[in-house]
C-alpha atoms as a PDB file:
ATOM      1  CA  MET A   1      77.202 114.951  15.319  1.00  0.00           C
ATOM      2  CA  TRP A   2      78.502 114.019  18.408  1.00  0.00           C
ATOM      3  CA  TYR A   3      79.558 117.602  19.040  1.00  0.00           C
ATOM      4  CA  LEU A   4      76.407 119.076  18.631  1.00  0.00           C
ATOM      5  CA  ALA A   5      74.694 116.759  21.466  1.00  0.00           C
ATOM      6  CA  THR A   6      78.222 116.933  23.445  1.00  0.00           C
ATOM      7  CA  ILE A   7      77.798 121.093  23.566  1.00  0.00           C
ATOM      8  CA  GLY A   8      74.010 120.704  24.419  1.00  0.00           C
ATOM      9  CA  GLY A   9      74.576 117.964  26.998  1.00  0.00           C
ATOM     10  CA  GLY A  10      77.048 120.754  28.494  1.00  0.00           C
ATOM     11  CA  THR A  11      74.350 123.454  27.926  1.00  0.00           C
ATOM     12  CA  ALA A  12      71.550 121.690  29.976  1.00  0.00           C
ATOM     13  CA  ALA A  13      74.342 120.973  32.553  1.00  0.00           C
ATOM     14  CA  ALA A  14      75.514 124.445  32.862  1.00  0.00           C
ATOM     15  CA  VAL A  15      71.576 125.641  33.296  1.00  0.00           C
ATOM     16  CA  ALA A  16      71.103 122.806  35.923  1.00  0.00           C
ATOM     17  CA  MET A  17      73.776 123.819  37.673  1.00  0.00           C
ATOM     18  CA  LEU A  18      73.244 127.664  37.894  1.00  0.00           C
ATOM     19  CA  ALA A  19      69.537 126.641  38.619  1.00  0.00           C
ATOM     20  CA  TYR A  20      70.457 124.468  41.610  1.00  0.00           C
ATOM     21  CA  ARG A  21      73.094 127.299  43.176  1.00  0.00           C
ATOM     22  CA  TYR A  22      70.669 130.266  43.113  1.00  0.00           C
ATOM     23  CA  HIS A  23      67.466 128.197  44.045  1.00  0.00           C
ATOM     24  CA  LYS A  24      66.217 129.838  47.451  1.00  0.00           C
ATOM     25  CA  PRO A  25      66.082 127.142  50.025  1.00  0.00           C
ATOM     26  CA  ASP A  26      62.860 126.928  52.332  1.00  0.00           C
ATOM     27  CA  PRO A  27      63.736 127.401  55.435  1.00  0.00           C
ATOM     28  CA  GLY A  28      61.315 124.185  57.010  1.00  0.00           C
ATOM     29  CA  ASN A  29      63.819 122.196  54.391  1.00  0.00           C
ATOM     30  CA  THR A  30      66.629 120.459  56.254  1.00  0.00           C
ATOM     31  CA  ALA A  31      67.733 119.851  53.218  1.00  0.00           C
ATOM     32  CA  ALA A  32      68.634 122.460  51.448  1.00  0.00           C
ATOM     33  CA  LEU A  33      71.348 123.035  55.070  1.00  0.00           C
ATOM     34  CA  GLU A  34      75.197 122.174  55.261  1.00  0.00           C
ATOM     35  CA  PRO A  35      76.006 118.976  56.265  1.00  0.00           C
ATOM     36  CA  LEU A  36      76.943 120.105  59.503  1.00  0.00           C
ATOM     37  CA  GLU A  37      74.094 122.181  60.573  1.00  0.00           C
ATOM     38  CA  ARG A  38      72.054 118.660  59.479  1.00  0.00           C
ATOM     39  CA  ILE A  39      74.321 116.810  61.504  1.00  0.00           C
ATOM     40  CA  GLU A  40      74.023 119.310  64.402  1.00  0.00           C
ATOM     41  CA  THR A  41      70.300 118.868  64.732  1.00  0.00           C
ATOM     42  CA  CYS A  42      70.437 115.025  65.024  1.00  0.00           C
ATOM     43  CA  GLU A  43      69.705 113.747  68.414  1.00  0.00           C
ATOM     44  CA  THR A  44      70.263 110.360  68.130  1.00  0.00           C
ATOM     45  CA  VAL A  45      72.537 108.261  65.919  1.00  0.00           C
ATOM     46  CA  GLU A  46      69.560 106.967  64.184  1.00  0.00           C
ATOM     47  CA  GLN A  47      68.868 110.417  63.231  1.00  0.00           C
ATOM     48  CA  LEU A  48      72.786 111.276  62.079  1.00  0.00           C
ATOM     49  CA  VAL A  49      72.626 107.797  59.941  1.00  0.00           C
ATOM     50  CA  SER A  50      69.915 108.879  58.341  1.00  0.00           C
ATOM     51  CA  VAL A  51      71.277 112.429  57.424  1.00  0.00           C
ATOM     52  CA  LEU A  52      74.309 110.924  56.088  1.00  0.00           C
ATOM     53  CA  GLN A  53      72.783 108.637  53.879  1.00  0.00           C
ATOM     54  CA  ASN A  54      70.587 112.004  52.496  1.00  0.00           C
ATOM     55  CA  ILE A  55      73.700 114.349  52.325  1.00  0.00           C
ATOM     56  CA  GLY A  56      75.842 111.359  51.049  1.00  0.00           C
ATOM     57  CA  GLY A  57      72.879 109.828  48.151  1.00  0.00           C
ATOM     58  CA  GLN A  58      75.068 107.497  46.060  1.00  0.00           C
ATOM     59  CA  ALA A  59      78.672 109.673  47.112  1.00  0.00           C
ATOM     60  CA  SER A  60      81.689 107.991  48.079  1.00  0.00           C
ATOM     61  CA  ILE A  61      82.801 107.862  51.480  1.00  0.00           C
ATOM     62  CA  GLU A  62      85.914 110.384  50.016  1.00  0.00           C
ATOM     63  CA  GLU A  63      83.171 112.426  48.482  1.00  0.00           C
ATOM     64  CA  LEU A  64      81.110 112.691  51.702  1.00  0.00           C
ATOM     65  CA  THR A  65      84.258 113.288  53.444  1.00  0.00           C
ATOM     66  CA  THR A  66      85.008 116.263  51.805  1.00  0.00           C
ATOM     67  CA  LEU A  67      81.307 117.519  52.019  1.00  0.00           C
ATOM     68  CA  LEU A  68      81.982 116.997  55.644  1.00  0.00           C
ATOM     69  CA  SER A  69      85.138 118.554  55.893  1.00  0.00           C
ATOM     70  CA  ALA A  70      84.577 121.566  53.664  1.00  0.00           C
ATOM     71  CA  SER A  71      81.605 122.265  55.878  1.00  0.00           C
ATOM     72  CA  LEU A  72      83.408 122.336  58.875  1.00  0.00           C
ATOM     73  CA  GLU A  73      86.004 124.399  57.653  1.00  0.00           C
ATOM     74  CA  THR A  74      83.541 126.774  56.312  1.00  0.00           C
ATOM     75  CA  HIS A  75      81.179 127.184  59.651  1.00  0.00           C
ATOM     76  CA  GLY A  76      83.379 125.960  62.721  1.00  0.00           C
ATOM     77  CA  VAL A  77      81.479 123.338  65.146  1.00  0.00           C
ATOM     78  CA  THR A  78      79.526 124.582  68.230  1.00  0.00           C
ATOM     79  CA  GLU A  79      80.569 122.647  71.549  1.00  0.00           C
ATOM     80  CA  ALA A  80      77.089 121.382  72.278  1.00  0.00           C
ATOM     81  CA  CYS A  81      77.234 119.418  68.986  1.00  0.00           C
ATOM     82  CA  LEU A  82      80.544 118.152  69.977  1.00  0.00           C
ATOM     83  CA  GLU A  83      79.118 117.279  73.711  1.00  0.00           C
ATOM     84  CA  LYS A  84      75.951 115.337  71.729  1.00  0.00           C
ATOM     85  CA  LEU A  85      78.140 113.848  69.379  1.00  0.00           C
ATOM     86  CA  SER A  86      80.896 112.572  71.797  1.00  0.00           C
ATOM     87  CA  SER A  87      77.878 111.085  74.133  1.00  0.00           C
ATOM     88  CA  MET A  88      76.739 108.841  71.298  1.00  0.00           C
ATOM     89  CA  HIS A  89      80.495 108.367  70.469  1.00  0.00           C
ATOM     90  CA  LYS A  90      80.802 106.873  73.684  1.00  0.00           C
ATOM     91  CA  VAL A  91      77.608 104.671  73.366  1.00  0.00           C
ATOM     92  CA  HIS A  92      77.907 103.533  69.947  1.00  0.00           C
ATOM     93  CA  GLY A  93      81.326 103.880  69.239  1.00  0.00           C
ATOM     94  CA  ALA A  94      82.454 100.048  69.741  1.00  0.00           C
ATOM     95  CA  ASP A  95      79.209  98.773  67.570  1.00  0.00           C
ATOM     96  CA  MET A  96      80.616  97.126  64.473  1.00  0.00           C
ATOM     97  CA  GLY A  97      77.336  98.198  62.714  1.00  0.00           C
ATOM     98  CA  LEU A  98      75.899 100.695  60.732  1.00  0.00           C
ATOM     99  CA  CYS A  99      75.433 103.418  63.892  1.00  0.00           C
ATOM    100  CA  GLY A 100      79.108 102.628  64.885  1.00  0.00           C
ATOM    101  CA  TYR A 101      80.499 103.617  61.396  1.00  0.00           C
ATOM    102  CA  ALA A 102      78.242 106.245  61.017  1.00  0.00           C
ATOM    103  CA  ILE A 103      79.257 108.496  64.674  1.00  0.00           C
ATOM    104  CA  ASN A 104      82.790 106.650  63.851  1.00  0.00           C
ATOM    105  CA  PHE A 105      82.845 108.462  60.606  1.00  0.00           C
ATOM    106  CA  VAL A 106      81.861 111.742  61.829  1.00  0.00           C
ATOM    107  CA  TRP A 107      84.012 111.950  64.866  1.00  0.00           C
ATOM    108  CA  ALA A 108      86.710 111.263  62.980  1.00  0.00           C
ATOM    109  CA  THR A 109      86.077 113.980  60.496  1.00  0.00           C
ATOM    110  CA  ILE A 110      86.079 116.320  63.380  1.00  0.00           C
ATOM    111  CA  LEU A 111      88.411 115.608  65.066  1.00  0.00           C
ATOM    112  CA  GLU A 112      91.332 115.578  62.296  1.00  0.00           C
ATOM    113  CA  GLY A 113      90.058 118.948  61.452  1.00  0.00           C
ATOM    114  CA  ILE A 114      90.257 120.323  64.877  1.00  0.00           C
ATOM    115  CA  VAL A 115      93.709 118.514  65.088  1.00  0.00           C
ATOM    116  CA  GLY A 116      94.748 119.764  61.821  1.00  0.00           C
ATOM    117  CA  GLY A 117      93.892 123.603  62.828  1.00  0.00           C
ATOM    118  CA  ARG A 118      91.501 123.841  59.746  1.00  0.00           C
ATOM    119  CA  VAL A 119      88.131 123.671  62.256  1.00  0.00           C
ATOM    120  CA  VAL A 120      86.925 126.158  64.779  1.00  0.00           C
ATOM    121  CA  ILE A 121      85.519 125.505  67.868  1.00  0.00           C
ATOM    122  CA  LEU A 122      82.284 128.051  68.553  1.00  0.00           C
ATOM    123  CA  SER A 123      80.813 128.499  71.629  1.00  0.00           C
END
């Protein structure tokens, strides 16, 4: 009997994954954007914190790092985004709270990708 539940659960998971994968995103919905595209829309570090919370949900920091790294490697990062994040980092980098953690996490992930040669800087 347990094998029927396993097969049924696997089928339901596969259908849900396919529905999610091939769903046409709403262009006005930022939740459908890639993690990097959502980060590039942030104007303040508070917005960055909110975006990271929405991207990560219940994900661990390792999973969030993987999501952001994959997005960086696929799409690259614009100079304008780097400048914006750099100025946020200068202001909030030494903050020991949530804002400092968020900007340091994003900044370190981007720099690690650039130094490792996996991230292209777009003009």
